[in-house]
N, C-alpha and C. Protein backbone atom coordinates (compact mmCIF):
# COMPACT_ATOMS: atom_id res chain seq x y z
N MET A 1 -12.24 7.31 -15.68
CA MET A 1 -13.15 7.43 -16.66
C MET A 1 -14.28 6.65 -16.32
N THR A 2 -14.57 5.55 -15.96
CA THR A 2 -15.49 4.77 -15.74
C THR A 2 -16.22 5.12 -14.80
N ARG A 3 -15.44 5.56 -13.95
CA ARG A 3 -16.22 6.27 -12.51
C ARG A 3 -17.04 7.41 -12.73
N PHE A 4 -16.29 8.30 -13.59
CA PHE A 4 -16.78 9.42 -14.08
C PHE A 4 -18.26 9.30 -14.56
N LEU A 5 -17.93 8.37 -15.58
CA LEU A 5 -19.47 7.96 -16.39
C LEU A 5 -20.58 7.32 -15.74
N ALA A 6 -20.17 6.59 -14.68
CA ALA A 6 -20.92 5.88 -13.81
C ALA A 6 -21.60 6.89 -12.80
N HIS A 7 -21.14 7.91 -12.41
CA HIS A 7 -21.94 8.80 -11.84
C HIS A 7 -22.60 9.78 -12.57
N ILE A 8 -22.46 10.33 -13.79
CA ILE A 8 -22.91 11.18 -14.85
C ILE A 8 -23.98 10.63 -15.44
N LEU A 9 -24.08 9.18 -15.76
CA LEU A 9 -24.93 8.71 -16.72
C LEU A 9 -26.35 8.88 -16.21
N PRO A 10 -26.43 8.33 -14.51
CA PRO A 10 -27.76 8.35 -14.09
C PRO A 10 -28.14 10.06 -13.64
N LEU A 11 -27.44 11.05 -13.69
CA LEU A 11 -27.89 12.16 -13.51
C LEU A 11 -28.14 12.80 -15.05
N LEU A 12 -27.90 12.22 -15.97
CA LEU A 12 -28.28 12.98 -17.30
C LEU A 12 -29.92 11.86 -17.60
N VAL A 13 -29.86 10.86 -16.93
CA VAL A 13 -31.18 10.07 -17.30
C VAL A 13 -32.35 10.96 -16.55
N LEU A 14 -31.89 10.90 -15.31
CA LEU A 14 -32.71 11.64 -14.20
C LEU A 14 -33.22 13.21 -14.87
N GLY A 15 -32.17 13.69 -15.39
CA GLY A 15 -32.31 15.24 -15.82
C GLY A 15 -33.38 15.14 -17.12
N SER A 16 -32.94 14.37 -18.45
CA SER A 16 -34.07 14.35 -19.18
C SER A 16 -35.42 13.73 -18.91
N ALA A 17 -35.40 12.92 -17.75
CA ALA A 17 -36.87 12.71 -17.28
C ALA A 17 -37.64 13.87 -16.58
N HIS A 18 -37.29 14.81 -16.22
CA HIS A 18 -37.89 15.90 -15.91
C HIS A 18 -37.79 17.24 -16.63
N ALA A 19 -37.32 16.74 -17.87
CA ALA A 19 -37.27 18.15 -18.49
C ALA A 19 -38.68 18.52 -19.29
N ALA A 20 -38.88 19.74 -19.66
CA ALA A 20 -40.41 20.15 -19.80
C ALA A 20 -40.30 19.77 -21.53
N ASP A 21 -41.63 19.54 -21.72
CA ASP A 21 -41.83 19.46 -23.17
C ASP A 21 -41.53 20.82 -23.93
N ILE A 22 -40.87 20.51 -24.94
CA ILE A 22 -40.38 21.94 -25.62
C ILE A 22 -41.62 22.49 -26.91
N HIS A 23 -41.97 23.73 -26.30
CA HIS A 23 -43.32 24.05 -27.35
C HIS A 23 -42.29 25.26 -28.35
N ASP A 24 -42.72 25.07 -29.85
CA ASP A 24 -42.22 26.54 -30.63
C ASP A 24 -42.72 27.34 -30.00
N ALA A 25 -41.92 28.70 -29.91
CA ALA A 25 -42.12 30.03 -29.65
C ALA A 25 -43.17 30.70 -30.81
N PRO A 26 -43.61 31.62 -30.42
CA PRO A 26 -44.96 31.97 -31.61
C PRO A 26 -43.81 32.82 -32.15
N ILE A 27 -43.97 33.17 -33.47
CA ILE A 27 -43.03 33.72 -34.17
C ILE A 27 -43.59 35.46 -33.79
N SER A 28 -42.10 36.18 -33.78
CA SER A 28 -42.54 37.70 -33.34
C SER A 28 -42.94 38.34 -34.61
N GLU A 29 -43.79 39.27 -34.33
CA GLU A 29 -44.70 40.10 -35.67
C GLU A 29 -43.51 41.57 -35.49
N THR A 30 -43.14 41.74 -34.42
CA THR A 30 -42.19 43.07 -34.64
C THR A 30 -40.66 42.65 -34.46
N VAL A 31 -39.74 43.44 -34.88
CA VAL A 31 -38.48 43.14 -34.97
C VAL A 31 -37.97 44.26 -33.93
N ASN A 32 -36.88 43.74 -33.16
CA ASN A 32 -36.46 44.52 -32.07
C ASN A 32 -35.08 44.80 -33.08
N TRP A 33 -35.09 46.01 -33.50
CA TRP A 33 -34.13 46.89 -33.99
C TRP A 33 -32.66 47.08 -33.60
N VAL A 34 -33.35 47.44 -31.78
CA VAL A 34 -32.39 47.98 -31.15
C VAL A 34 -31.26 46.68 -30.64
N GLY A 35 -31.58 45.53 -30.68
CA GLY A 35 -31.02 44.61 -30.39
C GLY A 35 -30.03 44.18 -31.88
N ILE A 36 -30.37 44.20 -33.12
CA ILE A 36 -29.98 44.17 -33.64
C ILE A 36 -28.67 44.83 -34.01
N ILE A 37 -29.03 46.28 -33.90
CA ILE A 37 -28.01 47.16 -34.24
C ILE A 37 -26.84 47.23 -33.04
N ILE A 38 -27.20 46.67 -32.01
CA ILE A 38 -26.26 46.83 -31.12
C ILE A 38 -25.29 45.46 -31.60
N PHE A 39 -25.81 44.40 -31.89
CA PHE A 39 -25.36 43.03 -32.29
C PHE A 39 -24.19 43.37 -33.52
N LEU A 40 -24.72 44.25 -34.36
CA LEU A 40 -24.09 44.62 -35.74
C LEU A 40 -22.64 45.31 -35.21
N VAL A 41 -22.97 46.47 -34.42
CA VAL A 41 -21.73 47.24 -33.92
C VAL A 41 -20.85 46.37 -33.15
N ILE A 42 -21.23 45.52 -32.32
CA ILE A 42 -20.15 44.80 -31.59
C ILE A 42 -19.47 43.65 -32.20
N MET A 43 -20.33 43.11 -33.42
CA MET A 43 -19.64 42.24 -34.36
C MET A 43 -18.47 42.77 -35.16
N VAL A 44 -19.37 44.17 -35.65
CA VAL A 44 -18.26 44.50 -36.83
C VAL A 44 -17.08 45.34 -36.25
N GLY A 45 -17.46 45.98 -34.85
CA GLY A 45 -16.33 46.58 -34.33
C GLY A 45 -15.31 45.54 -33.80
N GLY A 46 -15.74 44.51 -33.29
CA GLY A 46 -14.77 43.68 -32.60
C GLY A 46 -14.08 42.77 -33.92
N THR A 47 -14.69 42.80 -35.31
CA THR A 47 -13.76 42.15 -36.51
C THR A 47 -12.35 43.26 -36.57
N VAL A 48 -13.36 44.36 -37.04
CA VAL A 48 -12.40 45.48 -37.24
C VAL A 48 -11.48 45.59 -36.32
N GLY A 49 -11.39 45.70 -34.81
CA GLY A 49 -10.23 45.88 -34.06
C GLY A 49 -9.35 44.82 -34.08
N PHE A 50 -9.81 43.56 -34.38
CA PHE A 50 -9.23 42.35 -34.16
C PHE A 50 -8.08 42.22 -35.60
N PHE A 51 -8.44 42.75 -37.04
CA PHE A 51 -7.81 42.89 -37.77
C PHE A 51 -6.58 44.06 -37.70
N TRP A 52 -7.40 45.00 -36.97
CA TRP A 52 -6.26 46.25 -37.08
C TRP A 52 -5.37 46.08 -36.17
N ARG A 53 -5.72 44.98 -34.96
CA ARG A 53 -4.57 44.87 -34.00
C ARG A 53 -3.59 43.75 -34.52
N ILE A 54 -4.14 43.02 -35.48
CA ILE A 54 -3.15 42.01 -36.34
C ILE A 54 -2.09 42.78 -37.00
N MET A 55 -2.71 43.48 -38.08
CA MET A 55 -2.04 44.45 -38.75
C MET A 55 -0.84 45.47 -38.16
N GLN A 56 -1.15 46.04 -36.88
CA GLN A 56 -0.50 46.49 -35.99
C GLN A 56 0.87 45.74 -35.34
N LYS A 57 0.42 44.62 -34.78
CA LYS A 57 1.57 43.64 -34.57
C LYS A 57 2.06 43.26 -35.70
N ASP A 58 1.79 43.03 -36.73
CA ASP A 58 2.53 42.46 -37.87
C ASP A 58 3.56 43.48 -38.06
N LYS A 59 3.02 44.84 -38.41
CA LYS A 59 3.89 46.19 -38.56
C LYS A 59 5.24 46.48 -37.53
N LYS A 60 5.05 46.07 -36.20
CA LYS A 60 5.75 46.22 -35.38
C LYS A 60 6.89 44.98 -35.46
N THR A 61 6.52 43.87 -35.92
CA THR A 61 7.43 42.88 -36.01
C THR A 61 8.19 43.19 -37.17
N LYS A 62 7.82 43.56 -38.23
CA LYS A 62 8.72 43.91 -39.51
C LYS A 62 9.79 44.96 -39.36
N GLN A 63 9.08 45.95 -38.11
CA GLN A 63 10.10 46.99 -37.81
C GLN A 63 11.26 46.34 -36.73
N ASP A 64 10.52 45.44 -36.19
CA ASP A 64 11.95 44.85 -35.15
C ASP A 64 12.88 44.07 -35.99
N ASP A 65 12.18 43.19 -37.15
CA ASP A 65 13.05 42.66 -38.03
C ASP A 65 14.21 43.20 -38.74
N GLN A 66 13.69 44.47 -39.10
CA GLN A 66 14.68 45.53 -39.90
C GLN A 66 15.82 46.00 -38.84
N LYS A 67 15.45 46.08 -37.44
CA LYS A 67 16.23 46.94 -36.57
C LYS A 67 17.23 45.86 -36.48
N LEU A 68 16.98 44.51 -36.27
CA LEU A 68 17.68 43.31 -36.25
C LEU A 68 18.92 43.22 -37.41
N LYS A 69 18.35 43.33 -38.60
CA LYS A 69 19.14 43.25 -39.52
C LYS A 69 19.90 44.50 -39.72
N ALA A 70 19.96 45.55 -39.53
CA ALA A 70 20.49 46.83 -39.50
C ALA A 70 22.01 46.62 -38.36
C-alpha cells in the first residue's frame, strides 16, 4: 500500500499543479427539452422495468414454492 501511495501521490500533485482554473459556466437562457424528455423516458422506463422484473420474479418464486409444497 505504501508503494502504491508513493507512486500515486506525486502524480496527484503534478496533476493538480497543471489543472486549469475553473470558471463558472454562463447560465443557459434556453432549456434543452429534448434532453430532458430523453432523460425522463430512460429514468421512468428503467424504474418501471426494474419493478416489473422484480414482481415477475417474485410471482415465479411463489409459483415454484407452491409446486414444491404440493
